[in-house]
């Protein structure tokens, strides 16, 4: 159950912080999210920490939004056929769920604006992106309710409670 391989590409030296073992913190949080969505198969994910300029370029090129953002997810399998499911019973199969691009500077700004604190905001960003890579979305209200319910549960259990406005609204403040 706990098989989650994470590769990191840290272009901004975020992970070199000597005050905290971010790799361990991130791994534990994402394993909690994996458990919450009942993913028993092995998975791998790539997490890229990038500058505001780089995430701005990615956001403009792939989403048509001319601004930096906190996280962008690129799922490997982004269709409803779930073609990889046929391999889940193979004990050697590792599902590559995709890539997250995270801009720590934007996360820090949002933590101040939303008055949530960096850890909570960063945790929100990670779990949110991870759920997107596993097929969850928040475009429709029923999808949003399911996704944010899972996200809220994972964050609360990890000691990162949601902003009060996020507890009762399907679409969160982001």
N, C-alpha and C. Protein backbone atom coordinates (compact mmCIF):
# COMPACT_ATOMS: atom_id res chain seq x y z
N UNK A 1 0.83 -1.20 0.00
CA UNK A 1 0.00 0.00 0.00
C UNK A 1 0.86 1.26 0.00
N UNK A 2 1.95 1.29 0.71
CA UNK A 2 2.70 2.52 0.87
C UNK A 2 3.69 2.79 -0.23
N UNK A 3 3.59 2.08 -1.32
CA UNK A 3 4.55 2.28 -2.39
C UNK A 3 4.24 3.56 -3.15
N UNK A 4 5.09 4.54 -2.93
CA UNK A 4 4.97 5.81 -3.64
C UNK A 4 6.38 6.32 -3.90
N UNK A 5 6.79 6.24 -5.13
CA UNK A 5 8.11 6.73 -5.52
C UNK A 5 7.96 8.18 -5.97
N UNK A 6 8.72 9.04 -5.34
CA UNK A 6 8.66 10.47 -5.67
C UNK A 6 10.03 10.90 -6.17
N UNK A 7 10.05 11.46 -7.37
CA UNK A 7 11.30 12.06 -7.85
C UNK A 7 11.13 13.57 -7.78
N UNK A 8 12.18 14.22 -7.35
CA UNK A 8 12.14 15.67 -7.17
C UNK A 8 13.08 16.35 -8.14
N UNK A 9 12.61 17.45 -8.70
CA UNK A 9 13.43 18.34 -9.50
C UNK A 9 13.30 19.71 -8.83
N UNK A 10 14.34 20.10 -8.12
CA UNK A 10 14.29 21.31 -7.30
C UNK A 10 15.13 22.41 -7.92
N UNK A 11 14.52 23.18 -8.80
CA UNK A 11 15.23 24.26 -9.50
C UNK A 11 15.47 25.48 -8.62
N UNK A 12 14.83 25.54 -7.46
CA UNK A 12 14.93 26.73 -6.61
C UNK A 12 15.59 26.44 -5.25
N UNK A 13 16.09 25.23 -5.07
CA UNK A 13 16.75 24.81 -3.83
C UNK A 13 15.84 24.85 -2.60
N UNK A 14 14.58 24.58 -2.80
CA UNK A 14 13.62 24.54 -1.70
C UNK A 14 13.93 23.40 -0.73
N UNK A 15 14.30 22.25 -1.25
CA UNK A 15 14.50 21.07 -0.42
C UNK A 15 15.77 21.11 0.41
N UNK A 16 16.61 22.11 0.21
CA UNK A 16 17.86 22.20 0.96
C UNK A 16 17.69 22.86 2.32
N UNK A 17 16.49 23.23 2.67
CA UNK A 17 16.19 23.85 3.96
C UNK A 17 16.64 22.91 5.09
N UNK A 18 17.55 23.37 5.93
CA UNK A 18 18.07 22.53 7.00
C UNK A 18 17.13 22.45 8.21
N UNK A 19 16.11 23.30 8.25
CA UNK A 19 15.19 23.31 9.38
C UNK A 19 14.17 22.19 9.32
N UNK A 20 13.95 21.62 8.14
CA UNK A 20 12.93 20.60 7.98
C UNK A 20 13.32 19.62 6.89
N UNK A 21 12.97 18.36 7.11
CA UNK A 21 13.15 17.33 6.10
C UNK A 21 11.90 17.33 5.21
N UNK A 22 11.92 18.20 4.21
CA UNK A 22 10.76 18.35 3.34
C UNK A 22 10.42 17.08 2.57
N UNK A 23 11.42 16.32 2.18
CA UNK A 23 11.15 15.09 1.43
C UNK A 23 10.31 14.15 2.28
N UNK A 24 10.66 13.98 3.53
CA UNK A 24 9.90 13.13 4.44
C UNK A 24 8.50 13.69 4.67
N UNK A 25 8.40 14.99 4.90
CA UNK A 25 7.11 15.66 5.14
C UNK A 25 6.18 15.46 3.96
N UNK A 26 6.70 15.70 2.76
CA UNK A 26 5.91 15.56 1.53
C UNK A 26 5.49 14.10 1.33
N UNK A 27 6.41 13.19 1.52
CA UNK A 27 6.13 11.77 1.33
C UNK A 27 5.02 11.30 2.26
N UNK A 28 5.12 11.65 3.54
CA UNK A 28 4.09 11.24 4.50
C UNK A 28 2.72 11.81 4.14
N UNK A 29 2.70 13.07 3.74
CA UNK A 29 1.43 13.70 3.38
C UNK A 29 0.81 13.02 2.16
N UNK A 30 1.61 12.77 1.13
CA UNK A 30 1.07 12.15 -0.08
C UNK A 30 0.69 10.68 0.17
N UNK A 31 1.39 10.00 1.05
CA UNK A 31 0.97 8.64 1.41
C UNK A 31 -0.39 8.66 2.11
N UNK A 32 -0.64 9.68 2.91
CA UNK A 32 -1.95 9.84 3.55
C UNK A 32 -3.04 10.06 2.50
N UNK A 33 -2.73 10.87 1.50
CA UNK A 33 -3.69 11.11 0.42
C UNK A 33 -3.93 9.83 -0.39
N UNK A 34 -2.87 9.09 -0.63
CA UNK A 34 -2.97 7.82 -1.38
C UNK A 34 -3.88 6.85 -0.64
N UNK A 35 -3.69 6.78 0.66
CA UNK A 35 -4.53 5.90 1.48
C UNK A 35 -5.99 6.37 1.45
N UNK A 36 -6.21 7.67 1.51
CA UNK A 36 -7.57 8.22 1.54
C UNK A 36 -8.36 7.90 0.27
N UNK A 37 -7.66 7.74 -0.85
CA UNK A 37 -8.38 7.42 -2.10
C UNK A 37 -8.27 5.92 -2.43
N UNK A 38 -7.82 5.15 -1.45
CA UNK A 38 -7.76 3.69 -1.58
C UNK A 38 -6.95 3.21 -2.77
N UNK A 39 -5.82 3.85 -2.99
CA UNK A 39 -4.91 3.42 -4.06
C UNK A 39 -3.94 2.41 -3.47
N UNK A 40 -4.12 1.14 -3.80
CA UNK A 40 -3.27 0.08 -3.26
C UNK A 40 -2.06 -0.21 -4.13
N UNK A 41 -2.13 0.16 -5.39
CA UNK A 41 -1.03 -0.14 -6.31
C UNK A 41 0.14 0.83 -6.10
N UNK A 42 1.30 0.40 -6.54
CA UNK A 42 2.49 1.27 -6.47
C UNK A 42 2.32 2.42 -7.46
N UNK A 43 2.79 3.60 -7.05
CA UNK A 43 2.71 4.78 -7.90
C UNK A 43 4.06 5.49 -7.91
N UNK A 44 4.26 6.27 -8.99
CA UNK A 44 5.39 7.18 -9.01
C UNK A 44 4.89 8.53 -9.49
N UNK A 45 5.55 9.56 -8.98
CA UNK A 45 5.17 10.94 -9.26
C UNK A 45 6.44 11.77 -9.33
N UNK A 46 6.41 12.80 -10.14
CA UNK A 46 7.51 13.74 -10.22
C UNK A 46 7.02 15.08 -9.69
N UNK A 47 7.79 15.66 -8.77
CA UNK A 47 7.46 16.97 -8.22
C UNK A 47 8.58 17.93 -8.57
N UNK A 48 8.21 19.01 -9.24
CA UNK A 48 9.16 20.01 -9.71
C UNK A 48 8.91 21.33 -8.98
N UNK A 49 9.93 21.84 -8.30
CA UNK A 49 9.84 23.14 -7.65
C UNK A 49 10.48 24.16 -8.58
N UNK A 50 9.67 25.13 -9.00
CA UNK A 50 10.11 26.07 -10.03
C UNK A 50 9.89 27.52 -9.61
N UNK A 51 10.51 28.42 -10.35
CA UNK A 51 10.40 29.86 -10.10
C UNK A 51 9.05 30.39 -10.60
N UNK A 52 8.68 31.59 -10.14
CA UNK A 52 7.45 32.21 -10.65
C UNK A 52 7.49 32.40 -12.17
N UNK A 53 8.66 32.73 -12.71
CA UNK A 53 8.79 32.94 -14.15
C UNK A 53 8.53 31.64 -14.92
N UNK A 54 9.07 30.55 -14.42
CA UNK A 54 8.89 29.27 -15.10
C UNK A 54 7.44 28.79 -15.04
N UNK A 55 6.82 28.90 -13.87
CA UNK A 55 5.43 28.44 -13.77
C UNK A 55 4.51 29.35 -14.57
N UNK A 56 4.87 30.62 -14.67
CA UNK A 56 4.12 31.56 -15.51
C UNK A 56 4.16 31.09 -16.97
N UNK A 57 5.36 30.74 -17.45
CA UNK A 57 5.51 30.24 -18.82
C UNK A 57 4.68 28.99 -19.06
N UNK A 58 4.74 28.06 -18.11
CA UNK A 58 3.99 26.80 -18.24
C UNK A 58 2.50 27.08 -18.23
N UNK A 59 2.06 27.94 -17.32
CA UNK A 59 0.64 28.27 -17.20
C UNK A 59 0.11 28.93 -18.47
N UNK A 60 0.92 29.80 -19.05
CA UNK A 60 0.52 30.48 -20.29
C UNK A 60 0.47 29.49 -21.46
N UNK A 61 1.49 28.67 -21.57
CA UNK A 61 1.59 27.74 -22.71
C UNK A 61 0.52 26.65 -22.67
N UNK A 62 0.30 26.05 -21.50
CA UNK A 62 -0.58 24.88 -21.43
C UNK A 62 -1.99 25.16 -20.93
N UNK A 63 -2.19 26.31 -20.24
CA UNK A 63 -3.51 26.60 -19.72
C UNK A 63 -4.08 27.91 -20.26
N UNK A 64 -3.26 28.65 -21.02
CA UNK A 64 -3.73 29.91 -21.59
C UNK A 64 -3.93 30.99 -20.55
N UNK A 65 -3.30 30.86 -19.39
CA UNK A 65 -3.44 31.85 -18.32
C UNK A 65 -2.12 32.59 -18.17
N UNK A 66 -2.17 33.91 -18.35
CA UNK A 66 -0.96 34.74 -18.39
C UNK A 66 -0.60 35.24 -16.99
N UNK A 67 -0.29 34.32 -16.10
CA UNK A 67 0.10 34.67 -14.74
C UNK A 67 0.73 33.46 -14.06
N UNK A 68 1.53 33.70 -13.03
CA UNK A 68 2.04 32.57 -12.25
C UNK A 68 0.91 31.93 -11.44
N UNK A 69 1.08 30.70 -11.04
CA UNK A 69 0.10 30.00 -10.21
C UNK A 69 0.86 29.14 -9.21
N UNK A 70 0.13 28.54 -8.28
CA UNK A 70 0.80 27.75 -7.25
C UNK A 70 1.20 26.36 -7.74
N UNK A 71 0.31 25.68 -8.45
CA UNK A 71 0.58 24.30 -8.88
C UNK A 71 -0.09 24.03 -10.23
N UNK A 72 0.62 23.27 -11.03
CA UNK A 72 0.07 22.78 -12.29
C UNK A 72 0.34 21.28 -12.32
N UNK A 73 -0.67 20.52 -12.66
CA UNK A 73 -0.51 19.07 -12.72
C UNK A 73 -0.64 18.59 -14.16
N UNK A 74 0.21 17.64 -14.49
CA UNK A 74 0.17 16.99 -15.80
C UNK A 74 0.02 15.49 -15.56
N UNK A 75 -1.21 15.01 -15.70
CA UNK A 75 -1.49 13.59 -15.47
C UNK A 75 -1.04 12.78 -16.68
N UNK A 76 -0.48 11.60 -16.41
CA UNK A 76 -0.09 10.69 -17.49
C UNK A 76 -1.33 10.15 -18.18
N UNK A 77 -2.28 9.71 -17.37
CA UNK A 77 -3.52 9.16 -17.92
C UNK A 77 -4.64 10.10 -17.55
N UNK A 78 -5.14 10.81 -18.52
CA UNK A 78 -6.15 11.82 -18.26
C UNK A 78 -7.43 11.51 -19.03
N UNK A 79 -7.77 10.22 -19.10
CA UNK A 79 -9.01 9.87 -19.78
C UNK A 79 -9.87 9.02 -18.86
N UNK A 80 -11.10 8.84 -19.24
CA UNK A 80 -12.05 8.11 -18.41
C UNK A 80 -11.98 6.61 -18.60
N UNK A 81 -11.20 6.13 -19.56
CA UNK A 81 -11.11 4.70 -19.81
C UNK A 81 -10.26 3.97 -18.79
N UNK A 82 -9.42 4.71 -18.07
CA UNK A 82 -8.55 4.15 -17.04
C UNK A 82 -7.80 2.93 -17.57
N UNK A 83 -7.08 3.12 -18.64
CA UNK A 83 -6.39 2.02 -19.31
C UNK A 83 -5.36 1.34 -18.42
N UNK A 84 -4.77 2.06 -17.49
CA UNK A 84 -3.74 1.45 -16.64
C UNK A 84 -4.31 0.48 -15.62
N UNK A 85 -5.60 0.58 -15.33
CA UNK A 85 -6.21 -0.28 -14.31
C UNK A 85 -6.00 -1.76 -14.59
N UNK A 86 -5.89 -2.12 -15.85
CA UNK A 86 -5.69 -3.53 -16.19
C UNK A 86 -4.37 -4.08 -15.66
N UNK A 87 -3.44 -3.22 -15.30
CA UNK A 87 -2.13 -3.65 -14.82
C UNK A 87 -1.99 -3.63 -13.30
N UNK A 88 -3.01 -3.12 -12.59
CA UNK A 88 -2.89 -2.93 -11.15
C UNK A 88 -2.64 -4.23 -10.37
N UNK A 89 -3.11 -5.35 -10.87
CA UNK A 89 -2.91 -6.63 -10.17
C UNK A 89 -1.50 -7.17 -10.34
N UNK A 90 -0.75 -6.65 -11.28
CA UNK A 90 0.63 -7.09 -11.50
C UNK A 90 1.50 -6.48 -10.38
N UNK A 91 2.11 -7.34 -9.54
CA UNK A 91 2.88 -6.80 -8.41
C UNK A 91 4.09 -5.98 -8.81
N UNK A 92 4.54 -6.09 -10.05
CA UNK A 92 5.70 -5.33 -10.51
C UNK A 92 5.32 -4.01 -11.19
N UNK A 93 4.02 -3.79 -11.39
CA UNK A 93 3.57 -2.59 -12.09
C UNK A 93 3.63 -1.39 -11.17
N UNK A 94 4.20 -0.31 -11.68
CA UNK A 94 4.22 0.97 -10.97
C UNK A 94 3.52 1.98 -11.86
N UNK A 95 2.45 2.54 -11.36
CA UNK A 95 1.65 3.51 -12.11
C UNK A 95 2.31 4.89 -12.03
N UNK A 96 2.75 5.40 -13.17
CA UNK A 96 3.29 6.76 -13.24
C UNK A 96 2.10 7.69 -13.39
N UNK A 97 1.80 8.43 -12.32
CA UNK A 97 0.60 9.26 -12.36
C UNK A 97 0.85 10.64 -12.96
N UNK A 98 2.11 11.06 -13.06
CA UNK A 98 2.38 12.33 -13.72
C UNK A 98 3.29 13.26 -12.95
N UNK A 99 3.20 14.53 -13.30
CA UNK A 99 4.11 15.56 -12.80
C UNK A 99 3.35 16.71 -12.15
N UNK A 100 3.91 17.20 -11.06
CA UNK A 100 3.44 18.43 -10.44
C UNK A 100 4.52 19.48 -10.59
N UNK A 101 4.12 20.68 -10.95
CA UNK A 101 5.01 21.85 -10.96
C UNK A 101 4.48 22.79 -9.89
N UNK A 102 5.33 23.09 -8.92
CA UNK A 102 4.91 23.91 -7.78
C UNK A 102 5.82 25.13 -7.67
N UNK A 103 5.18 26.28 -7.47
CA UNK A 103 5.92 27.52 -7.27
C UNK A 103 5.79 27.91 -5.80
N UNK A 104 6.86 27.72 -5.06
CA UNK A 104 6.86 27.99 -3.62
C UNK A 104 6.60 29.47 -3.34
N UNK A 105 7.09 30.37 -4.18
CA UNK A 105 6.85 31.81 -3.95
C UNK A 105 5.36 32.14 -4.00
N UNK A 106 4.64 31.53 -4.93
CA UNK A 106 3.19 31.76 -5.01
C UNK A 106 2.50 31.13 -3.79
N UNK A 107 2.93 29.95 -3.38
CA UNK A 107 2.36 29.31 -2.20
C UNK A 107 2.55 30.20 -0.98
N UNK A 108 3.73 30.78 -0.82
CA UNK A 108 4.01 31.68 0.32
C UNK A 108 3.09 32.89 0.29
N UNK A 109 2.89 33.49 -0.90
CA UNK A 109 2.01 34.65 -1.02
C UNK A 109 0.58 34.28 -0.67
N UNK A 110 0.13 33.12 -1.14
CA UNK A 110 -1.24 32.69 -0.84
C UNK A 110 -1.42 32.42 0.65
N UNK A 111 -0.40 31.90 1.30
CA UNK A 111 -0.47 31.65 2.74
C UNK A 111 -0.72 32.96 3.49
N UNK A 112 -0.11 34.04 3.01
CA UNK A 112 -0.31 35.35 3.64
C UNK A 112 -1.70 35.90 3.32
N UNK A 113 -2.07 35.87 2.04
CA UNK A 113 -3.36 36.40 1.61
C UNK A 113 -4.52 35.67 2.31
N UNK A 114 -4.46 34.34 2.35
CA UNK A 114 -5.54 33.53 2.92
C UNK A 114 -5.40 33.32 4.43
N UNK A 115 -4.27 33.83 5.01
CA UNK A 115 -4.00 33.72 6.44
C UNK A 115 -4.07 32.27 6.92
N UNK A 116 -3.45 31.37 6.15
CA UNK A 116 -3.49 29.95 6.47
C UNK A 116 -2.17 29.42 7.02
N UNK A 117 -1.09 30.13 6.81
CA UNK A 117 0.24 29.65 7.19
C UNK A 117 0.84 28.82 6.07
N UNK A 118 2.17 28.83 6.00
CA UNK A 118 2.84 28.15 4.88
C UNK A 118 2.59 26.65 4.85
N UNK A 119 2.73 25.98 5.99
CA UNK A 119 2.57 24.52 5.99
C UNK A 119 1.21 24.10 5.46
N UNK A 120 0.17 24.76 5.94
CA UNK A 120 -1.19 24.41 5.50
C UNK A 120 -1.35 24.68 4.01
N UNK A 121 -0.85 25.81 3.57
CA UNK A 121 -1.00 26.18 2.15
C UNK A 121 -0.20 25.23 1.26
N UNK A 122 1.00 24.88 1.67
CA UNK A 122 1.83 23.96 0.92
C UNK A 122 1.20 22.56 0.91
N UNK A 123 0.69 22.14 2.05
CA UNK A 123 0.00 20.84 2.12
C UNK A 123 -1.21 20.82 1.21
N UNK A 124 -1.98 21.90 1.22
CA UNK A 124 -3.14 22.02 0.34
C UNK A 124 -2.73 21.87 -1.12
N UNK A 125 -1.67 22.56 -1.49
CA UNK A 125 -1.17 22.55 -2.86
C UNK A 125 -0.75 21.15 -3.28
N UNK A 126 -0.02 20.46 -2.42
CA UNK A 126 0.44 19.11 -2.73
C UNK A 126 -0.72 18.12 -2.88
N UNK A 127 -1.61 18.12 -1.91
CA UNK A 127 -2.74 17.17 -1.95
C UNK A 127 -3.65 17.49 -3.13
N UNK A 128 -3.89 18.75 -3.37
CA UNK A 128 -4.73 19.17 -4.49
C UNK A 128 -4.15 18.66 -5.81
N UNK A 129 -2.86 18.88 -6.02
CA UNK A 129 -2.21 18.41 -7.23
C UNK A 129 -2.22 16.90 -7.33
N UNK A 130 -1.94 16.21 -6.23
CA UNK A 130 -1.93 14.74 -6.21
C UNK A 130 -3.31 14.19 -6.60
N UNK A 131 -4.36 14.78 -6.05
CA UNK A 131 -5.71 14.31 -6.39
C UNK A 131 -6.01 14.53 -7.88
N UNK A 132 -5.59 15.66 -8.42
CA UNK A 132 -5.77 15.88 -9.87
C UNK A 132 -5.07 14.78 -10.66
N UNK A 133 -3.86 14.41 -10.26
CA UNK A 133 -3.11 13.38 -10.99
C UNK A 133 -3.78 12.01 -10.89
N UNK A 134 -4.65 11.85 -9.91
CA UNK A 134 -5.39 10.60 -9.74
C UNK A 134 -6.82 10.69 -10.27
N UNK A 135 -7.08 11.71 -11.11
CA UNK A 135 -8.36 11.79 -11.79
C UNK A 135 -9.44 12.60 -11.13
N UNK A 136 -9.15 13.22 -10.00
CA UNK A 136 -10.16 14.04 -9.32
C UNK A 136 -10.16 15.44 -9.93
N UNK A 137 -11.35 16.06 -9.90
CA UNK A 137 -11.48 17.40 -10.46
C UNK A 137 -12.52 18.17 -9.66
N UNK A 138 -12.65 19.46 -9.95
CA UNK A 138 -13.60 20.30 -9.23
C UNK A 138 -14.33 21.24 -10.18
N UNK A 139 -14.52 20.79 -11.40
CA UNK A 139 -15.24 21.62 -12.37
C UNK A 139 -16.75 21.60 -12.07
N UNK A 140 -17.29 20.41 -11.90
CA UNK A 140 -18.71 20.26 -11.55
C UNK A 140 -18.85 20.24 -10.03
N UNK A 141 -19.99 20.72 -9.54
CA UNK A 141 -20.18 20.81 -8.09
C UNK A 141 -20.05 19.46 -7.38
N UNK A 142 -20.59 18.39 -7.97
CA UNK A 142 -20.50 17.08 -7.31
C UNK A 142 -19.05 16.59 -7.27
N UNK A 143 -18.29 16.86 -8.34
CA UNK A 143 -16.87 16.51 -8.35
C UNK A 143 -16.12 17.31 -7.30
N UNK A 144 -16.43 18.59 -7.22
CA UNK A 144 -15.77 19.48 -6.26
C UNK A 144 -16.03 19.01 -4.84
N UNK A 145 -17.27 18.64 -4.56
CA UNK A 145 -17.63 18.20 -3.22
C UNK A 145 -16.81 16.96 -2.83
N UNK A 146 -16.70 16.00 -3.75
CA UNK A 146 -15.92 14.79 -3.47
C UNK A 146 -14.44 15.10 -3.29
N UNK A 147 -13.88 15.87 -4.23
CA UNK A 147 -12.45 16.17 -4.17
C UNK A 147 -12.08 16.94 -2.91
N UNK A 148 -12.85 17.98 -2.61
CA UNK A 148 -12.52 18.81 -1.46
C UNK A 148 -12.80 18.12 -0.14
N UNK A 149 -13.74 17.18 -0.14
CA UNK A 149 -13.98 16.38 1.06
C UNK A 149 -12.76 15.52 1.38
N UNK A 150 -12.23 14.86 0.37
CA UNK A 150 -11.03 14.03 0.54
C UNK A 150 -9.86 14.91 0.96
N UNK A 151 -9.69 16.01 0.25
CA UNK A 151 -8.59 16.93 0.54
C UNK A 151 -8.66 17.44 1.98
N UNK A 152 -9.85 17.84 2.41
CA UNK A 152 -10.03 18.34 3.77
C UNK A 152 -9.71 17.29 4.82
N UNK A 153 -10.17 16.07 4.59
CA UNK A 153 -9.92 14.96 5.52
C UNK A 153 -8.42 14.70 5.65
N UNK A 154 -7.73 14.61 4.53
CA UNK A 154 -6.28 14.35 4.55
C UNK A 154 -5.55 15.46 5.29
N UNK A 155 -5.89 16.71 5.00
CA UNK A 155 -5.20 17.83 5.63
C UNK A 155 -5.48 17.90 7.13
N UNK A 156 -6.73 17.69 7.52
CA UNK A 156 -7.06 17.70 8.95
C UNK A 156 -6.30 16.60 9.69
N UNK A 157 -6.29 15.39 9.11
CA UNK A 157 -5.60 14.27 9.76
C UNK A 157 -4.10 14.50 9.84
N UNK A 158 -3.57 15.32 8.97
CA UNK A 158 -2.13 15.62 8.98
C UNK A 158 -1.82 16.84 9.85
N UNK A 159 -2.86 17.40 10.47
CA UNK A 159 -2.67 18.55 11.34
C UNK A 159 -2.64 19.88 10.59
N UNK A 160 -3.25 19.88 9.41
CA UNK A 160 -3.27 21.09 8.57
C UNK A 160 -4.72 21.45 8.23
N UNK A 161 -5.49 21.93 9.21
CA UNK A 161 -6.90 22.19 8.95
C UNK A 161 -7.13 23.25 7.89
N UNK A 162 -8.25 23.11 7.22
CA UNK A 162 -8.61 24.05 6.17
C UNK A 162 -8.98 25.40 6.75
N UNK A 163 -8.92 26.41 5.90
CA UNK A 163 -9.41 27.75 6.22
C UNK A 163 -10.90 27.60 6.54
N UNK A 164 -11.44 28.32 7.54
CA UNK A 164 -12.86 28.16 7.91
C UNK A 164 -13.82 28.26 6.72
N UNK A 165 -13.56 29.13 5.76
CA UNK A 165 -14.43 29.26 4.60
C UNK A 165 -14.41 28.00 3.74
N UNK A 166 -13.36 27.21 3.85
CA UNK A 166 -13.22 26.03 3.02
C UNK A 166 -13.95 24.82 3.59
N UNK A 167 -14.33 24.87 4.84
CA UNK A 167 -14.98 23.74 5.47
C UNK A 167 -16.40 23.52 4.95
N UNK A 168 -17.06 24.59 4.52
CA UNK A 168 -18.48 24.47 4.17
C UNK A 168 -18.79 24.76 2.71
N UNK A 169 -17.80 25.11 1.93
CA UNK A 169 -18.04 25.45 0.53
C UNK A 169 -17.42 24.40 -0.38
N UNK A 170 -18.17 23.99 -1.39
CA UNK A 170 -17.66 23.00 -2.34
C UNK A 170 -16.47 23.53 -3.10
N UNK A 171 -16.55 24.75 -3.56
CA UNK A 171 -15.42 25.35 -4.28
C UNK A 171 -14.67 26.21 -3.30
N UNK A 172 -13.40 25.92 -3.16
CA UNK A 172 -12.61 26.57 -2.13
C UNK A 172 -12.11 27.93 -2.57
N UNK A 173 -11.41 28.60 -1.68
CA UNK A 173 -11.00 29.97 -1.93
C UNK A 173 -9.90 30.08 -2.97
N UNK A 174 -9.39 28.98 -3.46
CA UNK A 174 -8.35 29.04 -4.49
C UNK A 174 -8.96 29.10 -5.85
